[in-house]
Amino acid sequence: ELFDTVKVFIPPDVQNTTGFQTFQTVWTETFNDLPTSVPLIASNILAFQETGASSKLIEALEDILKQVTTIVTSCIPSEIGTVVEKYLGAIIDALSGIGDGLAAM
């Protein structure tokens, strides 16, 4: 689970705070709401399923991570938000690189 991976980067003393509990709740709610709150994500995933266009899958994954980053970091303490934003940003950059590589093929 992606949350468990992100959690590794959060110091243990911060994980015991109310702010971290809020972060975990918002994270879960955001992922649960994404299919209906951002229709483009579902549309891109469907396009990938129908056509096999990897660019649509990459776009959907990037959109998911961008949306989660925006929502989650806006409602959690900055000491948690900064770490999460950097980690998810690195994943988004990696996905973009993969997408660029696939497009160049």
PDB file of N, CA and C in Angstrom:
ATOM      1  N   GLU A   1       0.841  -1.168   0.000  1.00  0.00           N
ATOM      2  CA  GLU A   1       0.000   0.000   0.000  1.00  0.00           C
ATOM      3  C   GLU A   1       0.894   1.242   0.000  1.00  0.00           C
ATOM      4  N   LEU A   2       0.519   2.204  -0.806  1.00  0.00           N
ATOM      5  CA  LEU A   2       1.317   3.425  -0.946  1.00  0.00           C
ATOM      6  C   LEU A   2       1.429   4.176   0.376  1.00  0.00           C
ATOM      7  N   PHE A   3       0.375   4.172   1.158  1.00  0.00           N
ATOM      8  CA  PHE A   3       0.430   4.874   2.439  1.00  0.00           C
ATOM      9  C   PHE A   3       1.538   4.323   3.325  1.00  0.00           C
ATOM     10  N   ASP A   4       1.674   3.013   3.378  1.00  0.00           N
ATOM     11  CA  ASP A   4       2.718   2.402   4.204  1.00  0.00           C
ATOM     12  C   ASP A   4       4.109   2.819   3.739  1.00  0.00           C
ATOM     13  N   THR A   5       4.261   3.001   2.443  1.00  0.00           N
ATOM     14  CA  THR A   5       5.539   3.445   1.896  1.00  0.00           C
ATOM     15  C   THR A   5       5.820   4.887   2.302  1.00  0.00           C
ATOM     16  N   VAL A   6       4.818   5.732   2.216  1.00  0.00           N
ATOM     17  CA  VAL A   6       4.983   7.132   2.614  1.00  0.00           C
ATOM     18  C   VAL A   6       5.254   7.221   4.111  1.00  0.00           C
ATOM     19  N   LYS A   7       4.579   6.391   4.877  1.00  0.00           N
ATOM     20  CA  LYS A   7       4.701   6.411   6.338  1.00  0.00           C
ATOM     21  C   LYS A   7       6.144   6.170   6.799  1.00  0.00           C
ATOM     22  N   VAL A   8       6.885   5.400   6.025  1.00  0.00           N
ATOM     23  CA  VAL A   8       8.283   5.109   6.365  1.00  0.00           C
ATOM     24  C   VAL A   8       9.101   6.390   6.474  1.00  0.00           C
ATOM     25  N   PHE A   9       8.742   7.412   5.714  1.00  0.00           N
ATOM     26  CA  PHE A   9       9.504   8.658   5.690  1.00  0.00           C
ATOM     27  C   PHE A   9       9.086   9.651   6.777  1.00  0.00           C
ATOM     28  N   ILE A  10       8.065   9.298   7.533  1.00  0.00           N
ATOM     29  CA  ILE A  10       7.587  10.168   8.603  1.00  0.00           C
ATOM     30  C   ILE A  10       8.230   9.724   9.918  1.00  0.00           C
ATOM     31  N   PRO A  11       8.895  10.619  10.627  1.00  0.00           N
ATOM     32  CA  PRO A  11       9.538  10.239  11.888  1.00  0.00           C
ATOM     33  C   PRO A  11       8.534   9.625  12.872  1.00  0.00           C
ATOM     34  N   PRO A  12       8.973   8.622  13.640  1.00  0.00           N
ATOM     35  CA  PRO A  12       8.070   7.950  14.582  1.00  0.00           C
ATOM     36  C   PRO A  12       7.383   8.895  15.563  1.00  0.00           C
ATOM     37  N   ASP A  13       8.083   9.928  16.031  1.00  0.00           N
ATOM     38  CA  ASP A  13       7.446  10.846  16.976  1.00  0.00           C
ATOM     39  C   ASP A  13       6.313  11.631  16.327  1.00  0.00           C
ATOM     40  N   VAL A  14       6.421  11.893  15.031  1.00  0.00           N
ATOM     41  CA  VAL A  14       5.368  12.599  14.303  1.00  0.00           C
ATOM     42  C   VAL A  14       4.188  11.654  14.054  1.00  0.00           C
ATOM     43  N   GLN A  15       4.481  10.367  13.855  1.00  0.00           N
ATOM     44  CA  GLN A  15       3.415   9.397  13.615  1.00  0.00           C
ATOM     45  C   GLN A  15       2.473   9.261  14.807  1.00  0.00           C
ATOM     46  N   ASN A  16       2.917   9.669  15.981  1.00  0.00           N
ATOM     47  CA  ASN A  16       2.093   9.575  17.184  1.00  0.00           C
ATOM     48  C   ASN A  16       1.283  10.838  17.454  1.00  0.00           C
ATOM     49  N   THR A  17       1.237  11.755  16.498  1.00  0.00           N
ATOM     50  CA  THR A  17       0.528  13.011  16.699  1.00  0.00           C
ATOM     51  C   THR A  17      -0.877  12.969  16.097  1.00  0.00           C
ATOM     52  N   THR A  18      -1.696  13.885  16.558  1.00  0.00           N
ATOM     53  CA  THR A  18      -3.043  14.031  16.008  1.00  0.00           C
ATOM     54  C   THR A  18      -2.963  14.424  14.532  1.00  0.00           C
ATOM     55  N   GLY A  19      -1.986  15.257  14.199  1.00  0.00           N
ATOM     56  CA  GLY A  19      -1.810  15.677  12.805  1.00  0.00           C
ATOM     57  C   GLY A  19      -1.580  14.497  11.880  1.00  0.00           C
ATOM     58  N   PHE A  20      -0.823  13.525  12.356  1.00  0.00           N
ATOM     59  CA  PHE A  20      -0.572  12.348  11.530  1.00  0.00           C
ATOM     60  C   PHE A  20      -1.846  11.524  11.366  1.00  0.00           C
ATOM     61  N   GLN A  21      -2.627  11.422  12.414  1.00  0.00           N
ATOM     62  CA  GLN A  21      -3.894  10.690  12.324  1.00  0.00           C
ATOM     63  C   GLN A  21      -4.831  11.366  11.321  1.00  0.00           C
ATOM     64  N   THR A  22      -4.831  12.692  11.347  1.00  0.00           N
ATOM     65  CA  THR A  22      -5.623  13.449  10.368  1.00  0.00           C
ATOM     66  C   THR A  22      -5.121  13.161   8.960  1.00  0.00           C
ATOM     67  N   PHE A  23      -3.818  13.161   8.803  1.00  0.00           N
ATOM     68  CA  PHE A  23      -3.204  12.852   7.511  1.00  0.00           C
ATOM     69  C   PHE A  23      -3.655  11.488   7.005  1.00  0.00           C
ATOM     70  N   GLN A  24      -3.621  10.484   7.855  1.00  0.00           N
ATOM     71  CA  GLN A  24      -4.008   9.131   7.453  1.00  0.00           C
ATOM     72  C   GLN A  24      -5.490   9.082   7.055  1.00  0.00           C
ATOM     73  N   THR A  25      -6.329   9.755   7.793  1.00  0.00           N
ATOM     74  CA  THR A  25      -7.761   9.787   7.480  1.00  0.00           C
ATOM     75  C   THR A  25      -8.011  10.476   6.144  1.00  0.00           C
ATOM     76  N   VAL A  26      -7.399  11.639   5.955  1.00  0.00           N
ATOM     77  CA  VAL A  26      -7.583  12.390   4.707  1.00  0.00           C
ATOM     78  C   VAL A  26      -7.030  11.594   3.527  1.00  0.00           C
ATOM     79  N   TRP A  27      -5.903  10.945   3.713  1.00  0.00           N
ATOM     80  CA  TRP A  27      -5.296  10.113   2.665  1.00  0.00           C
ATOM     81  C   TRP A  27      -6.297   9.051   2.205  1.00  0.00           C
ATOM     82  N   THR A  28      -6.860   8.318   3.149  1.00  0.00           N
ATOM     83  CA  THR A  28      -7.788   7.233   2.832  1.00  0.00           C
ATOM     84  C   THR A  28      -9.043   7.779   2.152  1.00  0.00           C
ATOM     85  N   GLU A  29      -9.595   8.848   2.697  1.00  0.00           N
ATOM     86  CA  GLU A  29     -10.797   9.442   2.111  1.00  0.00           C
ATOM     87  C   GLU A  29     -10.533   9.949   0.694  1.00  0.00           C
ATOM     88  N   THR A  30      -9.381  10.546   0.495  1.00  0.00           N
ATOM     89  CA  THR A  30      -9.040  11.086  -0.822  1.00  0.00           C
ATOM     90  C   THR A  30      -8.964   9.971  -1.855  1.00  0.00           C
ATOM     91  N   PHE A  31      -8.262   8.887  -1.534  1.00  0.00           N
ATOM     92  CA  PHE A  31      -8.167   7.774  -2.477  1.00  0.00           C
ATOM     93  C   PHE A  31      -9.532   7.139  -2.729  1.00  0.00           C
ATOM     94  N   ASN A  32     -10.368   7.052  -1.710  1.00  0.00           N
ATOM     95  CA  ASN A  32     -11.697   6.473  -1.888  1.00  0.00           C
ATOM     96  C   ASN A  32     -12.582   7.336  -2.776  1.00  0.00           C
ATOM     97  N   ASP A  33     -12.415   8.663  -2.700  1.00  0.00           N
ATOM     98  CA  ASP A  33     -13.254   9.588  -3.449  1.00  0.00           C
ATOM     99  C   ASP A  33     -12.760   9.891  -4.863  1.00  0.00           C
ATOM    100  N   LEU A  34     -11.528   9.540  -5.175  1.00  0.00           N
ATOM    101  CA  LEU A  34     -10.942   9.930  -6.464  1.00  0.00           C
ATOM    102  C   LEU A  34     -11.750   9.511  -7.693  1.00  0.00           C
ATOM    103  N   PRO A  35     -12.252   8.297  -7.766  1.00  0.00           N
ATOM    104  CA  PRO A  35     -12.966   7.918  -8.996  1.00  0.00           C
ATOM    105  C   PRO A  35     -14.158   8.818  -9.314  1.00  0.00           C
ATOM    106  N   THR A  36     -14.813   9.341  -8.294  1.00  0.00           N
ATOM    107  CA  THR A  36     -15.960  10.203  -8.558  1.00  0.00           C
ATOM    108  C   THR A  36     -15.609  11.685  -8.532  1.00  0.00           C
ATOM    109  N   SER A  37     -14.592  12.070  -7.780  1.00  0.00           N
ATOM    110  CA  SER A  37     -14.258  13.486  -7.675  1.00  0.00           C
ATOM    111  C   SER A  37     -13.422  13.997  -8.845  1.00  0.00           C
ATOM    112  N   VAL A  38     -12.721  13.109  -9.515  1.00  0.00           N
ATOM    113  CA  VAL A  38     -11.909  13.515 -10.667  1.00  0.00           C
ATOM    114  C   VAL A  38     -12.232  12.568 -11.838  1.00  0.00           C
ATOM    115  N   PRO A  39     -13.295  12.887 -12.584  1.00  0.00           N
ATOM    116  CA  PRO A  39     -13.741  11.994 -13.660  1.00  0.00           C
ATOM    117  C   PRO A  39     -12.682  11.702 -14.725  1.00  0.00           C
ATOM    118  N   LEU A  40     -11.745  12.636 -14.935  1.00  0.00           N
ATOM    119  CA  LEU A  40     -10.710  12.423 -15.942  1.00  0.00           C
ATOM    120  C   LEU A  40      -9.856  11.201 -15.614  1.00  0.00           C
ATOM    121  N   ILE A  41      -9.660  10.931 -14.341  1.00  0.00           N
ATOM    122  CA  ILE A  41      -8.871   9.769 -13.946  1.00  0.00           C
ATOM    123  C   ILE A  41      -9.557   8.498 -14.422  1.00  0.00           C
ATOM    124  N   ALA A  42     -10.836   8.372 -14.121  1.00  0.00           N
ATOM    125  CA  ALA A  42     -11.591   7.187 -14.542  1.00  0.00           C
ATOM    126  C   ALA A  42     -11.632   7.090 -16.064  1.00  0.00           C
ATOM    127  N   SER A  43     -11.763   8.234 -16.720  1.00  0.00           N
ATOM    128  CA  SER A  43     -11.805   8.263 -18.179  1.00  0.00           C
ATOM    129  C   SER A  43     -10.487   7.773 -18.779  1.00  0.00           C
ATOM    130  N   ASN A  44      -9.364   8.211 -18.211  1.00  0.00           N
ATOM    131  CA  ASN A  44      -8.058   7.773 -18.707  1.00  0.00           C
ATOM    132  C   ASN A  44      -7.815   6.289 -18.454  1.00  0.00           C
ATOM    133  N   ILE A  45      -8.256   5.800 -17.307  1.00  0.00           N
ATOM    134  CA  ILE A  45      -8.094   4.376 -17.022  1.00  0.00           C
ATOM    135  C   ILE A  45      -8.942   3.552 -17.985  1.00  0.00           C
ATOM    136  N   LEU A  46     -10.163   3.991 -18.237  1.00  0.00           N
ATOM    137  CA  LEU A  46     -11.027   3.293 -19.193  1.00  0.00           C
ATOM    138  C   LEU A  46     -10.405   3.314 -20.590  1.00  0.00           C
ATOM    139  N   ALA A  47      -9.851   4.456 -20.982  1.00  0.00           N
ATOM    140  CA  ALA A  47      -9.201   4.557 -22.300  1.00  0.00           C
ATOM    141  C   ALA A  47      -8.020   3.599 -22.383  1.00  0.00           C
ATOM    142  N   PHE A  48      -7.267   3.481 -21.309  1.00  0.00           N
ATOM    143  CA  PHE A  48      -6.156   2.537 -21.286  1.00  0.00           C
ATOM    144  C   PHE A  48      -6.672   1.104 -21.432  1.00  0.00           C
ATOM    145  N   GLN A  49      -7.730   0.774 -20.711  1.00  0.00           N
ATOM    146  CA  GLN A  49      -8.298  -0.579 -20.792  1.00  0.00           C
ATOM    147  C   GLN A  49      -8.785  -0.893 -22.203  1.00  0.00           C
ATOM    148  N   GLU A  50      -9.381   0.083 -22.849  1.00  0.00           N
ATOM    149  CA  GLU A  50      -9.964  -0.137 -24.170  1.00  0.00           C
ATOM    150  C   GLU A  50      -8.927  -0.135 -25.285  1.00  0.00           C
ATOM    151  N   THR A  51      -7.908   0.704 -25.159  1.00  0.00           N
ATOM    152  CA  THR A  51      -6.965   0.871 -26.268  1.00  0.00           C
ATOM    153  C   THR A  51      -5.568   0.343 -25.984  1.00  0.00           C
ATOM    154  N   GLY A  52      -5.250   0.192 -24.705  1.00  0.00           N
ATOM    155  CA  GLY A  52      -3.896  -0.216 -24.345  1.00  0.00           C
ATOM    156  C   GLY A  52      -2.890   0.921 -24.438  1.00  0.00           C
ATOM    157  N   ALA A  53      -3.395   2.158 -24.606  1.00  0.00           N
ATOM    158  CA  ALA A  53      -2.499   3.319 -24.718  1.00  0.00           C
ATOM    159  C   ALA A  53      -1.862   3.601 -23.363  1.00  0.00           C
ATOM    160  N   SER A  54      -0.585   3.291 -23.242  1.00  0.00           N
ATOM    161  CA  SER A  54       0.104   3.460 -21.967  1.00  0.00           C
ATOM    162  C   SER A  54       0.111   4.916 -21.507  1.00  0.00           C
ATOM    163  N   SER A  55       0.042   5.841 -22.444  1.00  0.00           N
ATOM    164  CA  SER A  55       0.028   7.262 -22.073  1.00  0.00           C
ATOM    165  C   SER A  55      -1.183   7.594 -21.207  1.00  0.00           C
ATOM    166  N   LYS A  56      -2.305   6.941 -21.480  1.00  0.00           N
ATOM    167  CA  LYS A  56      -3.514   7.174 -20.683  1.00  0.00           C
ATOM    168  C   LYS A  56      -3.349   6.655 -19.259  1.00  0.00           C
ATOM    169  N   LEU A  57      -2.685   5.526 -19.106  1.00  0.00           N
ATOM    170  CA  LEU A  57      -2.432   4.984 -17.774  1.00  0.00           C
ATOM    171  C   LEU A  57      -1.485   5.898 -17.000  1.00  0.00           C
ATOM    172  N   ILE A  58      -0.431   6.351 -17.658  1.00  0.00           N
ATOM    173  CA  ILE A  58       0.526   7.254 -17.015  1.00  0.00           C
ATOM    174  C   ILE A  58      -0.171   8.546 -16.591  1.00  0.00           C
ATOM    175  N   GLU A  59      -1.002   9.095 -17.485  1.00  0.00           N
ATOM    176  CA  GLU A  59      -1.744  10.318 -17.146  1.00  0.00           C
ATOM    177  C   GLU A  59      -2.635  10.099 -15.931  1.00  0.00           C
ATOM    178  N   ALA A  60      -3.328   8.971 -15.892  1.00  0.00           N
ATOM    179  CA  ALA A  60      -4.215   8.677 -14.765  1.00  0.00           C
ATOM    180  C   ALA A  60      -3.426   8.577 -13.462  1.00  0.00           C
ATOM    181  N   LEU A  61      -2.311   7.870 -13.494  1.00  0.00           N
ATOM    182  CA  LEU A  61      -1.499   7.725 -12.281  1.00  0.00           C
ATOM    183  C   LEU A  61      -0.932   9.065 -11.818  1.00  0.00           C
ATOM    184  N   GLU A  62      -0.469   9.863 -12.766  1.00  0.00           N
ATOM    185  CA  GLU A  62       0.041  11.192 -12.416  1.00  0.00           C
ATOM    186  C   GLU A  62      -1.062  12.051 -11.815  1.00  0.00           C
ATOM    187  N   ASP A  63      -2.257  12.019 -12.423  1.00  0.00           N
ATOM    188  CA  ASP A  63      -3.375  12.809 -11.920  1.00  0.00           C
ATOM    189  C   ASP A  63      -3.774  12.373 -10.513  1.00  0.00           C
ATOM    190  N   ILE A  64      -3.766  11.076 -10.275  1.00  0.00           N
ATOM    191  CA  ILE A  64      -4.085  10.553  -8.944  1.00  0.00           C
ATOM    192  C   ILE A  64      -3.098  11.106  -7.927  1.00  0.00           C
ATOM    193  N   LEU A  65      -1.826  10.985  -8.219  1.00  0.00           N
ATOM    194  CA  LEU A  65      -0.810  11.426  -7.264  1.00  0.00           C
ATOM    195  C   LEU A  65      -0.811  12.939  -7.072  1.00  0.00           C
ATOM    196  N   LYS A  66      -1.055  13.693  -8.130  1.00  0.00           N
ATOM    197  CA  LYS A  66      -1.127  15.153  -8.008  1.00  0.00           C
ATOM    198  C   LYS A  66      -2.318  15.556  -7.141  1.00  0.00           C
ATOM    199  N   GLN A  67      -3.449  14.911  -7.379  1.00  0.00           N
ATOM    200  CA  GLN A  67      -4.649  15.220  -6.608  1.00  0.00           C
ATOM    201  C   GLN A  67      -4.444  14.889  -5.131  1.00  0.00           C
ATOM    202  N   VAL A  68      -3.893  13.723  -4.869  1.00  0.00           N
ATOM    203  CA  VAL A  68      -3.638  13.317  -3.487  1.00  0.00           C
ATOM    204  C   VAL A  68      -2.663  14.286  -2.826  1.00  0.00           C
ATOM    205  N   THR A  69      -1.607  14.652  -3.526  1.00  0.00           N
ATOM    206  CA  THR A  69      -0.618  15.579  -2.979  1.00  0.00           C
ATOM    207  C   THR A  69      -1.274  16.912  -2.607  1.00  0.00           C
ATOM    208  N   THR A  70      -2.069  17.447  -3.508  1.00  0.00           N
ATOM    209  CA  THR A  70      -2.721  18.732  -3.274  1.00  0.00           C
ATOM    210  C   THR A  70      -3.662  18.674  -2.078  1.00  0.00           C
ATOM    211  N   ILE A  71      -4.508  17.678  -2.037  1.00  0.00           N
ATOM    212  CA  ILE A  71      -5.503  17.590  -0.969  1.00  0.00           C
ATOM    213  C   ILE A  71      -4.850  17.294   0.375  1.00  0.00           C
ATOM    214  N   VAL A  72      -4.005  16.291   0.391  1.00  0.00           N
ATOM    215  CA  VAL A  72      -3.428  15.849   1.654  1.00  0.00           C
ATOM    216  C   VAL A  72      -2.511  16.905   2.250  1.00  0.00           C
ATOM    217  N   THR A  73      -1.664  17.509   1.443  1.00  0.00           N
ATOM    218  CA  THR A  73      -0.717  18.483   1.993  1.00  0.00           C
ATOM    219  C   THR A  73      -1.393  19.782   2.417  1.00  0.00           C
ATOM    220  N   SER A  74      -2.604  20.022   1.944  1.00  0.00           N
ATOM    221  CA  SER A  74      -3.300  21.250   2.331  1.00  0.00           C
ATOM    222  C   SER A  74      -3.946  21.154   3.709  1.00  0.00           C
ATOM    223  N   CYS A  75      -4.041  19.959   4.255  1.00  0.00           N
ATOM    224  CA  CYS A  75      -4.774  19.823   5.517  1.00  0.00           C
ATOM    225  C   CYS A  75      -3.966  19.130   6.615  1.00  0.00           C
ATOM    226  N   ILE A  76      -2.672  19.026   6.435  1.00  0.00           N
ATOM    227  CA  ILE A  76      -1.847  18.389   7.460  1.00  0.00           C
ATOM    228  C   ILE A  76      -0.735  19.335   7.892  1.00  0.00           C
ATOM    229  N   PRO A  77      -0.176  19.108   9.044  1.00  0.00           N
ATOM    230  CA  PRO A  77       0.924  19.969   9.508  1.00  0.00           C
ATOM    231  C   PRO A  77       2.089  19.984   8.515  1.00  0.00           C
ATOM    232  N   SER A  78       2.751  21.108   8.440  1.00  0.00           N
ATOM    233  CA  SER A  78       3.810  21.288   7.444  1.00  0.00           C
ATOM    234  C   SER A  78       4.943  20.281   7.585  1.00  0.00           C
ATOM    235  N   GLU A  79       5.270  19.843   8.801  1.00  0.00           N
ATOM    236  CA  GLU A  79       6.374  18.886   8.951  1.00  0.00           C
ATOM    237  C   GLU A  79       6.051  17.549   8.295  1.00  0.00           C
ATOM    238  N   ILE A  80       4.781  17.214   8.219  1.00  0.00           N
ATOM    239  CA  ILE A  80       4.376  15.987   7.520  1.00  0.00           C
ATOM    240  C   ILE A  80       4.207  16.286   6.039  1.00  0.00           C
ATOM    241  N   GLY A  81       3.562  17.405   5.737  1.00  0.00           N
ATOM    242  CA  GLY A  81       3.271  17.769   4.351  1.00  0.00           C
ATOM    243  C   GLY A  81       4.499  17.903   3.481  1.00  0.00           C
ATOM    244  N   THR A  82       5.550  18.477   4.022  1.00  0.00           N
ATOM    245  CA  THR A  82       6.777  18.661   3.250  1.00  0.00           C
ATOM    246  C   THR A  82       7.368  17.321   2.830  1.00  0.00           C
ATOM    247  N   VAL A  83       7.414  16.386   3.757  1.00  0.00           N
ATOM    248  CA  VAL A  83       7.968  15.059   3.459  1.00  0.00           C
ATOM    249  C   VAL A  83       7.104  14.340   2.431  1.00  0.00           C
ATOM    250  N   VAL A  84       5.793  14.376   2.623  1.00  0.00           N
ATOM    251  CA  VAL A  84       4.873  13.691   1.712  1.00  0.00           C
ATOM    252  C   VAL A  84       4.949  14.308   0.325  1.00  0.00           C
ATOM    253  N   GLU A  85       4.986  15.633   0.266  1.00  0.00           N
ATOM    254  CA  GLU A  85       5.039  16.321  -1.017  1.00  0.00           C
ATOM    255  C   GLU A  85       6.307  15.968  -1.795  1.00  0.00           C
ATOM    256  N   LYS A  86       7.431  15.908  -1.119  1.00  0.00           N
ATOM    257  CA  LYS A  86       8.687  15.542  -1.784  1.00  0.00           C
ATOM    258  C   LYS A  86       8.637  14.108  -2.298  1.00  0.00           C
ATOM    259  N   TYR A  87       8.145  13.197  -1.476  1.00  0.00           N
ATOM    260  CA  TYR A  87       8.093  11.787  -1.849  1.00  0.00           C
ATOM    261  C   TYR A  87       7.153  11.573  -3.035  1.00  0.00           C
ATOM    262  N   LEU A  88       5.940  12.109  -2.950  1.00  0.00           N
ATOM    263  CA  LEU A  88       4.992  11.938  -4.047  1.00  0.00           C
ATOM    264  C   LEU A  88       5.456  12.674  -5.300  1.00  0.00           C
ATOM    265  N   GLY A  89       6.113  13.807  -5.121  1.00  0.00           N
ATOM    266  CA  GLY A  89       6.669  14.528  -6.266  1.00  0.00           C
ATOM    267  C   GLY A  89       7.712  13.704  -7.002  1.00  0.00           C
ATOM    268  N   ALA A  90       8.519  12.985  -6.251  1.00  0.00           N
ATOM    269  CA  ALA A  90       9.525  12.117  -6.882  1.00  0.00           C
ATOM    270  C   ALA A  90       8.862  10.991  -7.662  1.00  0.00           C
ATOM    271  N   ILE A  91       7.784  10.445  -7.131  1.00  0.00           N
ATOM    272  CA  ILE A  91       7.059   9.387  -7.846  1.00  0.00           C
ATOM    273  C   ILE A  91       6.433   9.947  -9.123  1.00  0.00           C
ATOM    274  N   ILE A  92       5.853  11.142  -9.025  1.00  0.00           N
ATOM    275  CA  ILE A  92       5.264  11.779 -10.214  1.00  0.00           C
ATOM    276  C   ILE A  92       6.336  12.020 -11.271  1.00  0.00           C
ATOM    277  N   ASP A  93       7.501  12.502 -10.863  1.00  0.00           N
ATOM    278  CA  ASP A  93       8.604  12.728 -11.808  1.00  0.00           C
ATOM    279  C   ASP A  93       9.030  11.423 -12.473  1.00  0.00           C
ATOM    280  N   ALA A  94       9.090  10.358 -11.693  1.00  0.00           N
ATOM    281  CA  ALA A  94       9.466   9.056 -12.257  1.00  0.00           C
ATOM    282  C   ALA A  94       8.431   8.580 -13.274  1.00  0.00           C
ATOM    283  N   LEU A  95       7.162   8.742 -12.945  1.00  0.00           N
ATOM    284  CA  LEU A  95       6.109   8.358 -13.889  1.00  0.00           C
ATOM    285  C   LEU A  95       6.192   9.175 -15.174  1.00  0.00           C
ATOM    286  N   SER A  96       6.461  10.452 -15.032  1.00  0.00           N
ATOM    287  CA  SER A  96       6.604  11.306 -16.223  1.00  0.00           C
ATOM    288  C   SER A  96       7.742  10.815 -17.101  1.00  0.00           C
ATOM    289  N   GLY A  97       8.845  10.443 -16.470  1.00  0.00           N
ATOM    290  CA  GLY A  97       9.980   9.910 -17.226  1.00  0.00           C
ATOM    291  C   GLY A  97       9.627   8.620 -17.943  1.00  0.00           C
ATOM    292  N   ILE A  98       8.904   7.763 -17.276  1.00  0.00           N
ATOM    293  CA  ILE A  98       8.465   6.505 -17.910  1.00  0.00           C
ATOM    294  C   ILE A  98       7.551   6.820 -19.094  1.00  0.00           C
ATOM    295  N   GLY A  99       6.621   7.755 -18.866  1.00  0.00           N
ATOM    296  CA  GLY A  99       5.702   8.157 -19.950  1.00  0.00           C
ATOM    297  C   GLY A  99       6.452   8.717 -21.143  1.00  0.00           C
ATOM    298  N   ASP A 100       7.445   9.572 -20.882  1.00  0.00           N
ATOM    299  CA  ASP A 100       8.248  10.133 -21.968  1.00  0.00           C
ATOM    300  C   ASP A 100       8.992   9.042 -22.723  1.00  0.00           C
ATOM    301  N   GLY A 101       9.534   8.088 -21.962  1.00  0.00           N
ATOM    302  CA  GLY A 101      10.274   6.987 -22.588  1.00  0.00           C
ATOM    303  C   GLY A 101       9.364   6.134 -23.455  1.00  0.00           C
ATOM    304  N   LEU A 102       8.170   5.848 -22.955  1.00  0.00           N
ATOM    305  CA  LEU A 102       7.222   5.045 -23.740  1.00  0.00           C
ATOM    306  C   LEU A 102       6.768   5.787 -24.993  1.00  0.00           C
ATOM    307  N   ALA A 103       6.581   7.098 -24.868  1.00  0.00           N
ATOM    308  CA  ALA A 103       6.153   7.887 -26.016  1.00  0.00           C
ATOM    309  C   ALA A 103       7.239   7.949 -27.090  1.00  0.00           C
ATOM    310  N   ALA A 104       8.493   7.875 -26.672  1.00  0.00           N
ATOM    311  CA  ALA A 104       9.602   7.951 -27.627  1.00  0.00           C
ATOM    312  C   ALA A 104       9.818   6.646 -28.382  1.00  0.00           C
ATOM    313  N   MET A 105       9.210   5.599 -27.900  1.00  0.00           N
ATOM    314  CA  MET A 105       9.400   4.287 -28.545  1.00  0.00           C
ATOM    315  C   MET A 105       8.640   4.177 -29.829  1.00  0.00           C
TER     316      MET A 105
END
